[in-house]
Amino acid sequence: MWFLNKTTGLKWEVTDKELIKRLTKDEQYEKITAPKATNTASKTKSNEEK
């Protein structure tokens, strides 16, 4: 299950059942759908020269 920390904007995948219960009750966290994977390949010097 995925959670969003409303204060920091960080998204967390949580698998621990006790932690899921705690975060569900905490107003600072919101259940969200799993974020989509993004292609974040960094540019290297050799790629920039091409």
PDB file of N, CA and C in Angstrom:
ATOM      1  N   MET A   1       0.848  -1.162   0.000  1.00  0.00           N
ATOM      2  CA  MET A   1       0.000   0.000   0.000  1.00  0.00           C
ATOM      3  C   MET A   1       0.904   1.238   0.000  1.00  0.00           C
ATOM      4  N   TRP A   2       0.510   2.236  -0.741  1.00  0.00           N
ATOM      5  CA  TRP A   2       1.302   3.460  -0.868  1.00  0.00           C
ATOM      6  C   TRP A   2       0.681   4.585  -0.054  1.00  0.00           C
ATOM      7  N   PHE A   3       1.561   5.385   0.564  1.00  0.00           N
ATOM      8  CA  PHE A   3       1.134   6.532   1.353  1.00  0.00           C
ATOM      9  C   PHE A   3       1.909   7.763   0.927  1.00  0.00           C
ATOM     10  N   LEU A   4       1.234   8.900   1.006  1.00  0.00           N
ATOM     11  CA  LEU A   4       1.843  10.199   0.741  1.00  0.00           C
ATOM     12  C   LEU A   4       1.972  10.932   2.060  1.00  0.00           C
ATOM     13  N   ASN A   5       3.183  11.408   2.365  1.00  0.00           N
ATOM     14  CA  ASN A   5       3.384  12.267   3.522  1.00  0.00           C
ATOM     15  C   ASN A   5       3.001  13.673   3.070  1.00  0.00           C
ATOM     16  N   LYS A   6       1.921  14.207   3.604  1.00  0.00           N
ATOM     17  CA  LYS A   6       1.398  15.500   3.164  1.00  0.00           C
ATOM     18  C   LYS A   6       2.354  16.649   3.470  1.00  0.00           C
ATOM     19  N   THR A   7       3.187  16.509   4.480  1.00  0.00           N
ATOM     20  CA  THR A   7       4.113  17.572   4.860  1.00  0.00           C
ATOM     21  C   THR A   7       5.309  17.638   3.920  1.00  0.00           C
ATOM     22  N   THR A   8       5.892  16.481   3.617  1.00  0.00           N
ATOM     23  CA  THR A   8       7.119  16.460   2.818  1.00  0.00           C
ATOM     24  C   THR A   8       6.879  16.176   1.346  1.00  0.00           C
ATOM     25  N   GLY A   9       5.725  15.579   1.018  1.00  0.00           N
ATOM     26  CA  GLY A   9       5.450  15.207  -0.364  1.00  0.00           C
ATOM     27  C   GLY A   9       6.057  13.869  -0.764  1.00  0.00           C
ATOM     28  N   LEU A  10       6.721  13.198   0.187  1.00  0.00           N
ATOM     29  CA  LEU A  10       7.346  11.913  -0.119  1.00  0.00           C
ATOM     30  C   LEU A  10       6.298  10.815  -0.181  1.00  0.00           C
ATOM     31  N   LYS A  11       6.520   9.873  -1.093  1.00  0.00           N
ATOM     32  CA  LYS A  11       5.620   8.735  -1.267  1.00  0.00           C
ATOM     33  C   LYS A  11       6.335   7.487  -0.794  1.00  0.00           C
ATOM     34  N   TRP A  12       5.616   6.671  -0.020  1.00  0.00           N
ATOM     35  CA  TRP A  12       6.204   5.492   0.589  1.00  0.00           C
ATOM     36  C   TRP A  12       5.374   4.257   0.285  1.00  0.00           C
ATOM     37  N   GLU A  13       6.046   3.168  -0.047  1.00  0.00           N
ATOM     38  CA  GLU A  13       5.365   1.885  -0.146  1.00  0.00           C
ATOM     39  C   GLU A  13       5.519   1.196   1.201  1.00  0.00           C
ATOM     40  N   VAL A  14       4.404   0.857   1.822  1.00  0.00           N
ATOM     41  CA  VAL A  14       4.414   0.266   3.153  1.00  0.00           C
ATOM     42  C   VAL A  14       3.812  -1.129   3.068  1.00  0.00           C
ATOM     43  N   THR A  15       4.512  -2.118   3.632  1.00  0.00           N
ATOM     44  CA  THR A  15       4.036  -3.498   3.604  1.00  0.00           C
ATOM     45  C   THR A  15       3.740  -4.033   4.998  1.00  0.00           C
ATOM     46  N   ASP A  16       4.246  -3.382   6.029  1.00  0.00           N
ATOM     47  CA  ASP A  16       4.033  -3.817   7.400  1.00  0.00           C
ATOM     48  C   ASP A  16       2.605  -3.501   7.844  1.00  0.00           C
ATOM     49  N   LYS A  17       1.854  -4.529   8.262  1.00  0.00           N
ATOM     50  CA  LYS A  17       0.434  -4.357   8.599  1.00  0.00           C
ATOM     51  C   LYS A  17       0.217  -3.374   9.748  1.00  0.00           C
ATOM     52  N   GLU A  18       1.054  -3.430  10.759  1.00  0.00           N
ATOM     53  CA  GLU A  18       0.904  -2.522  11.902  1.00  0.00           C
ATOM     54  C   GLU A  18       1.182  -1.073  11.493  1.00  0.00           C
ATOM     55  N   LEU A  19       2.176  -0.875  10.653  1.00  0.00           N
ATOM     56  CA  LEU A  19       2.483   0.483  10.190  1.00  0.00           C
ATOM     57  C   LEU A  19       1.368   1.014   9.296  1.00  0.00           C
ATOM     58  N   ILE A  20       0.789   0.160   8.471  1.00  0.00           N
ATOM     59  CA  ILE A  20      -0.338   0.572   7.623  1.00  0.00           C
ATOM     60  C   ILE A  20      -1.491   1.055   8.498  1.00  0.00           C
ATOM     61  N   LYS A  21      -1.791   0.326   9.571  1.00  0.00           N
ATOM     62  CA  LYS A  21      -2.859   0.739  10.489  1.00  0.00           C
ATOM     63  C   LYS A  21      -2.568   2.107  11.090  1.00  0.00           C
ATOM     64  N   ARG A  22      -1.311   2.302  11.523  1.00  0.00           N
ATOM     65  CA  ARG A  22      -0.931   3.566  12.159  1.00  0.00           C
ATOM     66  C   ARG A  22      -1.014   4.731  11.178  1.00  0.00           C
ATOM     67  N   LEU A  23      -0.503   4.530   9.962  1.00  0.00           N
ATOM     68  CA  LEU A  23      -0.504   5.604   8.980  1.00  0.00           C
ATOM     69  C   LEU A  23      -1.913   5.935   8.505  1.00  0.00           C
ATOM     70  N   THR A  24      -2.788   4.930   8.449  1.00  0.00           N
ATOM     71  CA  THR A  24      -4.169   5.152   8.042  1.00  0.00           C
ATOM     72  C   THR A  24      -4.878   6.093   9.016  1.00  0.00           C
ATOM     73  N   LYS A  25      -4.531   6.017  10.283  1.00  0.00           N
ATOM     74  CA  LYS A  25      -5.145   6.856  11.310  1.00  0.00           C
ATOM     75  C   LYS A  25      -4.489   8.234  11.418  1.00  0.00           C
ATOM     76  N   ASP A  26      -3.284   8.388  10.883  1.00  0.00           N
ATOM     77  CA  ASP A  26      -2.528   9.638  11.000  1.00  0.00           C
ATOM     78  C   ASP A  26      -2.949  10.602   9.897  1.00  0.00           C
ATOM     79  N   GLU A  27      -3.379  11.806  10.287  1.00  0.00           N
ATOM     80  CA  GLU A  27      -3.842  12.796   9.306  1.00  0.00           C
ATOM     81  C   GLU A  27      -2.721  13.340   8.427  1.00  0.00           C
ATOM     82  N   GLN A  28      -1.481  13.116   8.822  1.00  0.00           N
ATOM     83  CA  GLN A  28      -0.345  13.600   8.042  1.00  0.00           C
ATOM     84  C   GLN A  28      -0.101  12.727   6.807  1.00  0.00           C
ATOM     85  N   TYR A  29      -0.708  11.532   6.778  1.00  0.00           N
ATOM     86  CA  TYR A  29      -0.512  10.596   5.671  1.00  0.00           C
ATOM     87  C   TYR A  29      -1.814  10.355   4.938  1.00  0.00           C
ATOM     88  N   GLU A  30      -1.688  10.119   3.627  1.00  0.00           N
ATOM     89  CA  GLU A  30      -2.848   9.870   2.776  1.00  0.00           C
ATOM     90  C   GLU A  30      -2.564   8.646   1.919  1.00  0.00           C
ATOM     91  N   LYS A  31      -3.538   7.728   1.820  1.00  0.00           N
ATOM     92  CA  LYS A  31      -3.385   6.565   0.939  1.00  0.00           C
ATOM     93  C   LYS A  31      -3.439   7.050  -0.501  1.00  0.00           C
ATOM     94  N   ILE A  32      -2.535   6.540  -1.325  1.00  0.00           N
ATOM     95  CA  ILE A  32      -2.505   6.907  -2.736  1.00  0.00           C
ATOM     96  C   ILE A  32      -2.342   5.655  -3.577  1.00  0.00           C
ATOM     97  N   THR A  33      -2.598   5.787  -4.875  1.00  0.00           N
ATOM     98  CA  THR A  33      -2.310   4.678  -5.781  1.00  0.00           C
ATOM     99  C   THR A  33      -0.809   4.651  -6.035  1.00  0.00           C
ATOM    100  N   ALA A  34      -0.300   3.517  -6.423  1.00  0.00           N
ATOM    101  CA  ALA A  34       1.141   3.379  -6.664  1.00  0.00           C
ATOM    102  C   ALA A  34       1.593   4.373  -7.727  1.00  0.00           C
ATOM    103  N   PRO A  35       2.678   5.115  -7.450  1.00  0.00           N
ATOM    104  CA  PRO A  35       3.175   6.052  -8.452  1.00  0.00           C
ATOM    105  C   PRO A  35       3.696   5.316  -9.677  1.00  0.00           C
ATOM    106  N   LYS A  36       3.552   5.935 -10.831  1.00  0.00           N
ATOM    107  CA  LYS A  36       4.049   5.329 -12.065  1.00  0.00           C
ATOM    108  C   LYS A  36       5.563   5.482 -12.126  1.00  0.00           C
ATOM    109  N   ALA A  37       6.218   4.463 -12.637  1.00  0.00           N
ATOM    110  CA  ALA A  37       7.667   4.512 -12.804  1.00  0.00           C
ATOM    111  C   ALA A  37       8.008   5.515 -13.894  1.00  0.00           C
ATOM    112  N   THR A  38       9.072   6.253 -13.677  1.00  0.00           N
ATOM    113  CA  THR A  38       9.513   7.217 -14.678  1.00  0.00           C
ATOM    114  C   THR A  38      10.917   6.866 -15.138  1.00  0.00           C
ATOM    115  N   ASN A  39      11.234   7.230 -16.341  1.00  0.00           N
ATOM    116  CA  ASN A  39      12.564   7.013 -16.872  1.00  0.00           C
ATOM    117  C   ASN A  39      13.414   8.212 -16.478  1.00  0.00           C
ATOM    118  N   THR A  40      14.257   8.031 -15.480  1.00  0.00           N
ATOM    119  CA  THR A  40      15.058   9.135 -14.977  1.00  0.00           C
ATOM    120  C   THR A  40      16.538   8.917 -15.271  1.00  0.00           C
ATOM    121  N   ALA A  41      16.818   8.363 -16.432  1.00  0.00           N
ATOM    122  CA  ALA A  41      18.212   8.127 -16.802  1.00  0.00           C
ATOM    123  C   ALA A  41      18.940   9.464 -16.847  1.00  0.00           C
ATOM    124  N   SER A  42      20.048   9.524 -16.162  1.00  0.00           N
ATOM    125  CA  SER A  42      20.792  10.786 -16.125  1.00  0.00           C
ATOM    126  C   SER A  42      21.679  10.897 -17.357  1.00  0.00           C
ATOM    127  N   LYS A  43      21.903  12.128 -17.758  1.00  0.00           N
ATOM    128  CA  LYS A  43      22.777  12.370 -18.905  1.00  0.00           C
ATOM    129  C   LYS A  43      24.218  12.186 -18.467  1.00  0.00           C
ATOM    130  N   THR A  44      24.977  11.546 -19.317  1.00  0.00           N
ATOM    131  CA  THR A  44      26.406  11.430 -19.061  1.00  0.00           C
ATOM    132  C   THR A  44      27.124  12.285 -20.089  1.00  0.00           C
ATOM    133  N   LYS A  45      28.370  12.564 -19.837  1.00  0.00           N
ATOM    134  CA  LYS A  45      29.145  13.414 -20.748  1.00  0.00           C
ATOM    135  C   LYS A  45      29.170  12.817 -22.141  1.00  0.00           C
ATOM    136  N   SER A  46      29.286  11.489 -22.244  1.00  0.00           N
ATOM    137  CA  SER A  46      29.341  10.859 -23.566  1.00  0.00           C
ATOM    138  C   SER A  46      28.006  11.025 -24.295  1.00  0.00           C
ATOM    139  N   ASN A  47      26.881  11.003 -23.574  1.00  0.00           N
ATOM    140  CA  ASN A  47      25.594  11.209 -24.216  1.00  0.00           C
ATOM    141  C   ASN A  47      25.438  12.642 -24.698  1.00  0.00           C
ATOM    142  N   GLU A  48      25.961  13.594 -23.954  1.00  0.00           N
ATOM    143  CA  GLU A  48      25.839  15.001 -24.347  1.00  0.00           C
ATOM    144  C   GLU A  48      26.682  15.335 -25.565  1.00  0.00           C
ATOM    145  N   GLU A  49      27.785  14.606 -25.757  1.00  0.00           N
ATOM    146  CA  GLU A  49      28.668  14.892 -26.883  1.00  0.00           C
ATOM    147  C   GLU A  49      28.141  14.366 -28.192  1.00  0.00           C
ATOM    148  N   LYS A  50      27.200  13.416 -28.176  1.00  0.00           N
ATOM    149  CA  LYS A  50      26.697  12.786 -29.401  1.00  0.00           C
ATOM    150  C   LYS A  50      25.831  13.717 -30.188  1.00  0.00           C
TER     151      LYS A  50
END
